[in-house]
Protein backbone atom coordinates (compact mmCIF):
# COMPACT_ATOMS: atom_id res chain seq x y z
CA MET A 1 89.73 113.25 102.74
CA GLN A 2 90.50 109.73 101.71
CA ARG A 3 92.92 108.03 99.37
CA ARG A 4 91.59 105.78 96.65
CA THR A 5 90.32 102.32 97.48
CA LEU A 6 92.55 99.53 96.23
CA VAL A 7 90.93 96.22 95.35
CA ARG A 8 92.90 93.07 94.73
CA GLY A 9 90.90 89.94 94.04
CA LEU A 10 88.17 89.89 96.69
CA ALA A 11 90.23 91.95 99.12
CA ALA A 12 89.50 95.65 99.45
CA ALA A 13 91.36 98.18 101.53
CA THR A 14 90.19 101.73 102.07
CA VAL A 15 93.24 103.83 102.81
CA ALA A 16 92.91 107.02 104.79
CA ALA A 17 95.05 110.06 104.12
CA PRO A 18 97.49 111.05 106.86
CA PHE A 19 95.34 113.96 108.03
CA VAL A 20 91.57 114.02 108.56
CA SER A 21 89.84 117.08 109.98
CA THR A 22 86.45 116.95 111.67
CA ALA A 23 84.87 120.02 113.17
CA GLY A 24 88.25 121.70 113.43
CA ALA A 25 89.81 118.77 115.27
CA GLN A 26 92.54 116.60 113.82
CA ALA A 27 91.87 112.88 113.86
CA PRO A 28 94.74 110.48 114.52
CA ILE A 29 97.04 109.85 111.58
CA THR A 30 96.68 106.46 109.87
CA LEU A 31 99.67 104.77 108.24
CA ASN A 32 99.16 101.77 105.96
CA GLY A 33 101.77 99.04 105.65
CA ALA A 34 102.00 96.00 103.40
CA VAL A 35 103.78 92.66 103.58
CA GLN A 36 103.54 89.40 101.62
CA PHE A 37 103.60 87.10 104.63
CA ASN A 38 101.83 86.20 107.86
CA ASP A 39 102.79 87.05 111.44
CA ASP A 40 105.22 84.13 111.76
CA HIS A 41 107.54 85.63 109.15
CA ALA A 42 110.52 87.77 110.18
CA PHE A 43 109.34 90.66 107.96
CA ASN A 44 106.08 90.94 109.87
CA LYS A 45 107.90 90.81 113.18
CA ALA A 46 110.15 93.69 112.07
CA LEU A 47 107.20 95.80 110.86
CA LEU A 48 105.23 95.17 114.05
CA ARG A 49 108.27 96.23 116.07
CA PHE A 50 108.46 99.37 113.88
CA GLU A 51 104.83 100.18 114.72
CA GLU A 52 105.46 99.62 118.42
CA LEU A 53 108.54 101.86 118.45
CA VAL A 54 106.92 104.68 116.47
CA LYS A 55 104.04 104.80 118.96
CA LYS A 56 106.53 104.78 121.83
CA TYR A 57 108.71 107.59 120.46
CA TYR A 58 105.87 109.72 119.07
CA GLY A 59 103.83 109.55 122.26
CA LYS A 60 100.60 110.63 120.55
CA PRO A 61 97.78 108.67 118.91
CA VAL A 62 98.70 107.20 115.52
CA ASN A 63 97.00 104.30 113.76
CA PHE A 64 98.85 101.54 111.90
CA VAL A 65 97.14 99.16 109.48
CA LEU A 66 99.41 96.35 108.28
CA HIS A 67 97.96 94.52 105.25
CA ARG A 68 99.33 90.98 105.46
CA ASN A 69 99.54 87.96 103.18
CA SER A 70 99.88 89.90 99.90
CA ALA A 71 96.46 91.54 100.40
CA LEU A 72 97.71 94.57 98.45
CA GLY A 73 99.78 92.65 95.91
CA LEU A 74 103.49 91.84 95.88
CA GLU A 75 106.57 93.82 96.92
CA LYS A 76 107.08 95.35 93.46
CA GLN A 77 103.60 96.87 93.70
CA TYR A 78 104.18 98.08 97.28
CA PHE A 79 107.25 99.98 96.18
CA GLU A 80 105.39 101.58 93.27
CA TYR A 81 102.55 102.60 95.59
CA MET A 82 105.01 104.17 98.04
CA ALA A 83 106.70 106.05 95.21
CA GLN A 84 103.31 107.41 94.16
CA GLY A 85 102.29 108.21 97.73
CA LYS A 86 99.19 106.04 97.39
CA ALA A 87 97.76 103.01 99.21
CA VAL A 88 101.00 101.97 100.99
CA ASP A 89 103.01 104.18 103.35
CA TYR A 90 105.55 101.65 104.62
CA GLY A 91 106.69 98.09 104.00
CA ILE A 92 109.63 95.76 103.49
CA VAL A 93 110.76 95.38 99.88
CA SER A 94 113.55 93.37 98.27
CA PRO A 95 116.06 95.72 96.58
CA ALA A 96 115.61 93.78 93.32
CA HIS A 97 112.09 95.19 93.08
CA MET A 98 113.38 98.76 93.16
CA SER A 99 115.39 98.44 89.94
CA THR A 100 112.73 100.16 87.81
CA PHE A 101 113.52 103.36 89.70
CA SER A 102 117.18 102.85 90.59
CA LYS A 103 119.77 100.72 88.79
CA ALA A 104 121.88 100.82 91.95
CA ALA A 105 119.18 99.40 94.25
CA PRO A 106 119.77 95.66 93.57
CA PHE A 107 123.43 96.17 94.42
CA ILE A 108 122.42 96.32 98.09
CA ASP A 109 122.30 92.52 98.37
CA ALA A 110 123.64 91.28 95.04
CA PRO A 111 125.00 87.72 94.81
CA PHE A 112 128.42 87.13 96.39
CA LEU A 113 128.66 90.71 97.68
CA PHE A 114 129.13 89.60 101.30
CA ARG A 115 131.62 87.01 102.50
CA ASP A 116 129.56 85.95 105.51
CA LEU A 117 127.20 87.31 108.19
CA THR A 118 130.03 89.02 110.07
CA HIS A 119 131.10 90.90 106.94
CA TRP A 120 127.44 91.71 106.16
CA ASN A 121 126.90 93.22 109.62
CA LYS A 122 130.09 95.28 109.35
CA VAL A 123 128.96 96.76 106.02
CA LEU A 124 125.62 97.79 107.51
CA ASP A 125 127.19 99.17 110.69
CA ALA A 126 129.62 101.24 108.59
CA ASP A 127 126.66 102.64 106.58
CA LEU A 128 128.49 101.90 103.33
CA LEU A 129 125.19 101.59 101.46
CA LYS A 130 124.09 105.18 102.18
CA PRO A 131 124.90 106.47 98.66
CA VAL A 132 122.58 103.83 97.20
CA ALA A 133 119.82 104.72 99.67
CA ASP A 134 120.27 108.40 98.75
CA GLU A 135 119.83 107.57 95.06
CA ILE A 136 116.66 105.59 95.76
CA ALA A 137 115.27 108.48 97.80
CA THR A 138 116.00 110.90 94.96
CA LYS A 139 114.78 108.80 92.03
CA ALA A 140 111.89 106.90 93.62
CA ASN A 141 110.96 109.23 96.49
CA VAL A 142 111.05 106.24 98.84
CA MET A 143 113.16 106.36 101.99
CA LEU A 144 115.11 103.37 103.30
CA ILE A 145 114.71 103.93 107.03
CA GLY A 146 116.10 100.61 108.30
CA TYR A 147 117.66 97.39 107.12
CA ALA A 148 116.08 94.05 108.01
CA GLY A 149 117.00 90.74 106.37
CA GLY A 150 119.84 88.42 107.25
CA GLY A 151 118.68 85.24 105.57
CA THR A 152 121.28 83.28 103.60
CA ARG A 153 120.01 82.34 100.14
CA ASN A 154 120.52 78.88 98.66
CA ILE A 155 119.18 77.06 95.60
CA PHE A 156 116.21 74.70 96.01
CA ILE A 157 116.09 72.09 93.23
CA ASN A 158 113.87 69.20 92.23
CA LYS A 159 116.95 66.91 91.98
CA PRO A 160 120.11 66.68 94.12
CA MET A 161 122.96 68.81 92.76
CA SER A 162 126.25 69.68 94.44
CA THR A 163 128.74 70.89 91.80
CA LEU A 164 129.10 73.47 89.04
CA ALA A 165 129.02 70.65 86.49
CA GLU A 166 125.66 69.46 87.81
CA ILE A 167 124.03 72.91 87.84
CA LYS A 168 125.23 73.77 84.33
CA GLY A 169 122.19 74.81 82.30
CA LEU A 170 119.94 74.61 85.37
CA LYS A 171 116.64 76.39 84.73
CA VAL A 172 116.41 78.51 87.87
CA ARG A 173 114.07 81.32 88.84
CA VAL A 174 115.84 84.53 89.87
CA GLN A 175 114.71 87.95 91.01
CA GLY A 176 113.85 90.55 88.39
CA ALA A 177 116.90 92.80 88.63
CA PRO A 178 119.36 92.21 85.73
CA ILE A 179 122.32 91.57 88.06
CA TRP A 180 120.69 88.33 89.23
CA SER A 181 120.28 86.97 85.71
CA LYS A 182 123.81 88.06 84.77
CA THR A 183 125.50 86.44 87.76
CA PHE A 184 123.58 83.16 87.53
CA ALA A 185 124.28 82.98 83.80
CA ALA A 186 127.98 83.61 84.51
CA ALA A 187 127.92 80.58 86.82
CA GLY A 188 126.62 78.45 83.94
CA MET A 189 122.93 78.29 84.85
CA SER A 190 119.90 79.27 82.77
CA PRO A 191 118.14 81.94 84.84
CA THR A 192 114.60 83.10 84.22
CA VAL A 193 112.42 85.74 85.88
CA ILE A 194 109.09 84.47 87.19
CA ALA A 195 106.74 86.15 89.66
CA TYR A 196 107.40 84.96 93.20
CA ASN A 197 103.90 83.59 93.70
CA GLU A 198 104.19 81.52 90.49
CA VAL A 199 107.46 79.72 91.34
CA TYR A 200 105.82 76.70 93.02
CA ASN A 201 103.61 75.92 90.02
CA ALA A 202 106.45 76.58 87.57
CA ILE A 203 108.58 73.89 89.23
CA GLN A 204 105.63 71.55 89.59
CA ASN A 205 104.92 71.88 85.85
CA ASN A 206 108.61 71.53 84.86
CA VAL A 207 108.83 75.06 83.46
CA ILE A 208 111.85 75.48 85.71
CA ALA A 209 113.74 73.06 87.95
CA ALA A 210 114.86 75.37 90.74
CA GLY A 211 114.65 78.68 92.55
CA GLU A 212 116.70 80.46 95.18
CA ASN A 213 115.61 81.80 98.52
CA GLU A 214 116.35 82.10 102.21
CA ALA A 215 114.90 79.65 104.74
CA ALA A 216 111.89 81.80 105.67
CA GLY A 217 110.77 81.98 102.06
CA VAL A 218 111.28 78.25 101.43
CA GLU A 219 109.22 77.49 104.51
CA THR A 220 106.41 80.00 103.98
CA MET A 221 105.93 79.26 100.27
CA LYS A 222 106.41 75.48 100.77
CA PHE A 223 108.94 75.29 97.95
CA TYR A 224 110.29 72.11 99.57
CA GLU A 225 107.18 70.27 98.35
CA VAL A 226 108.26 70.60 94.70
CA ALA A 227 112.02 71.10 95.15
CA PRO A 228 113.18 69.31 98.32
CA ASN A 229 116.93 69.44 97.58
CA LEU A 230 118.66 72.53 98.95
CA ALA A 231 122.08 73.13 97.40
CA MET A 232 123.97 75.17 100.01
CA THR A 233 125.47 77.72 97.62
CA GLU A 234 125.15 80.51 100.22
CA HIS A 235 125.31 82.90 97.28
CA ALA A 236 123.70 85.89 98.97
CA ILE A 237 122.76 87.31 102.36
CA THR A 238 119.58 89.30 102.23
CA ILE A 239 119.12 92.95 103.00
CA ARG A 240 115.44 93.85 103.18
CA PRO A 241 114.99 97.60 103.66
CA ILE A 242 112.13 98.98 105.70
CA CYS A 243 110.80 101.53 103.23
CA PHE A 244 108.69 104.63 103.80
CA SER A 245 106.93 106.78 101.22
CA GLY A 246 108.69 110.13 100.80
CA LYS A 247 105.39 111.78 99.81
CA THR A 248 103.67 110.57 102.95
CA PHE A 249 106.66 111.47 105.12
CA LYS A 250 106.56 115.11 104.01
CA THR A 251 102.94 115.46 105.17
CA LEU A 252 103.69 114.28 108.72
CA PRO A 253 104.48 116.46 111.74
CA LYS A 254 108.16 116.82 112.61
CA ASP A 255 107.96 114.85 115.85
CA LEU A 256 106.33 111.91 114.03
CA GLN A 257 108.99 112.11 111.31
CA ASP A 258 111.68 111.91 113.98
CA ALA A 259 109.96 108.92 115.60
CA ILE A 260 109.74 107.11 112.23
CA ILE A 261 113.43 107.61 111.46
CA LYS A 262 114.52 106.42 114.91
CA ALA A 263 112.09 103.48 114.94
CA GLY A 264 113.04 102.42 111.41
CA LYS A 265 116.69 101.99 112.27
CA GLU A 266 115.95 100.04 115.45
CA ALA A 267 113.25 97.87 113.85
CA GLY A 268 115.65 97.03 111.01
CA ALA A 269 118.32 95.90 113.47
CA TYR A 270 115.70 93.82 115.27
CA GLY A 271 114.59 92.26 111.98
CA ARG A 272 118.18 91.32 111.11
CA GLN A 273 118.65 89.66 114.48
CA VAL A 274 115.39 87.71 114.10
CA GLU A 275 115.95 86.48 110.56
CA SER A 276 119.64 85.66 110.83
CA SER A 277 119.08 83.69 114.04
CA GLU A 278 115.99 81.89 112.68
CA ASP A 279 117.59 80.96 109.34
CA ALA A 280 119.59 77.90 110.43
CA GLN A 281 116.87 76.86 112.87
CA LYS A 282 114.23 76.79 110.14
CA LEU A 283 116.43 74.72 107.82
CA GLU A 284 117.22 72.25 110.57
CA ALA A 285 113.55 71.91 111.51
CA MET A 286 112.49 71.35 107.89
CA GLU A 287 115.23 68.77 107.40
CA LYS A 288 114.32 66.93 110.62
CA ALA A 289 110.70 66.85 109.48
CA GLY A 290 111.80 65.23 106.22
CA LYS A 291 110.67 68.18 104.12
CA LEU A 292 114.02 68.98 102.55
CA LYS A 293 117.60 67.79 102.37
CA ARG A 294 120.55 70.15 102.66
CA ILE A 295 123.25 69.29 100.13
CA ALA A 296 126.78 70.63 100.55
CA PHE A 297 127.79 72.63 97.48
CA LYS A 298 131.39 71.77 96.68
CA ASP A 299 132.17 74.55 94.21
CA ARG A 300 131.21 77.76 95.97
CA ALA A 301 134.69 79.30 95.60
CA PRO A 302 134.94 78.56 91.84
CA MET A 303 131.36 79.80 91.43
CA LYS A 304 132.24 83.09 93.11
CA LYS A 305 135.33 83.42 90.89
CA MET A 306 133.10 83.12 87.81
CA VAL A 307 130.70 85.76 89.15
CA ASP A 308 133.25 88.33 90.43
CA PRO A 309 133.99 89.96 87.03
CA VAL A 310 130.24 90.41 86.45
CA MET A 311 129.86 92.07 89.84
CA GLU A 312 132.80 94.40 89.19
CA ALA A 313 131.44 95.40 85.78
CA TYR A 314 127.96 95.93 87.23
CA ALA A 315 129.27 98.12 90.06
CA LYS A 316 131.12 100.25 87.50
CA GLU A 317 128.06 100.46 85.26
CA ILE A 318 125.86 101.86 88.03
CA GLY A 319 128.55 104.12 89.47
CA ALA A 320 128.93 102.02 92.62
CA ASP A 321 132.50 100.89 91.98
CA ALA A 322 133.85 102.96 94.90
CA ILE A 323 131.27 101.40 97.25
CA PHE A 324 132.07 97.95 95.88
CA VAL A 325 135.77 98.40 96.61
CA LYS A 326 135.00 99.56 100.17
CA ILE A 327 132.77 96.55 100.78
CA VAL A 328 135.26 94.05 99.36
CA ASN A 329 138.13 95.54 101.38
CA LEU A 330 136.22 95.85 104.66
CA ASN A 331 137.71 93.53 107.27
């Protein structure tokens, strides 16, 4: 028994079903993962740690195939495949790409939700996002088994900008979830949704002037080549859930399910440690190499004040106002 073969461009991946029987014997289970980046990226490091821990805790043969460098598409596609129980069993996906299934999903790392890394860690340790994860599991049939991330997002621009007055009307690429467009518009910018792999060309061709990302993304996608000015808005701290297909999970033996749940939580914590510690290092290295220039953003507090009412209204709209209050009040 085999799942369908997925072909993207010249890349083809034949994906095996979790169980294959031959002559009455059960072959090892194969789990297929997907990620947009190469092995140097924090996401890959977290997923490879997940594989290592599952094998350790399961203690029986299990095969992992991690499709790197967008071989199976982009994160939005991975999430859809996991929801369908086809082609991808696990991966790391930005919450913004889950919004088709769950309006609450992008709330996980919405702009200006976290004060700083300390506050961000406390929210995750207190498991305040569990109601959102439960909704995603119900509506998309995708489990959030761990939380990686930890990169601080800033705005990369083709010209130096450091104030609200300077970024007024700025044509900036944002993620697809509506909350990103709403908050950036509230801060006076002109947000637009463009596919992640098209951002570089869009800036190069003056379709937009800026984008926003954490250090790992700026480095990997070489955004500094077309937008070398990094306005340090620190408008968001990423949460990148390690996701697992609910349909696949139900087909697995109980001891493997237990291993996946335990490994997911630990691999997420490892991913957070990797990315949060690498973030400043990557920016410093790129700046020393003359690839980008960090520009202090003078109006972060006023910017947040403009965005806060939008965040409050959004939390109420998606029924997350109680979670929002808990996060804001967590000390």
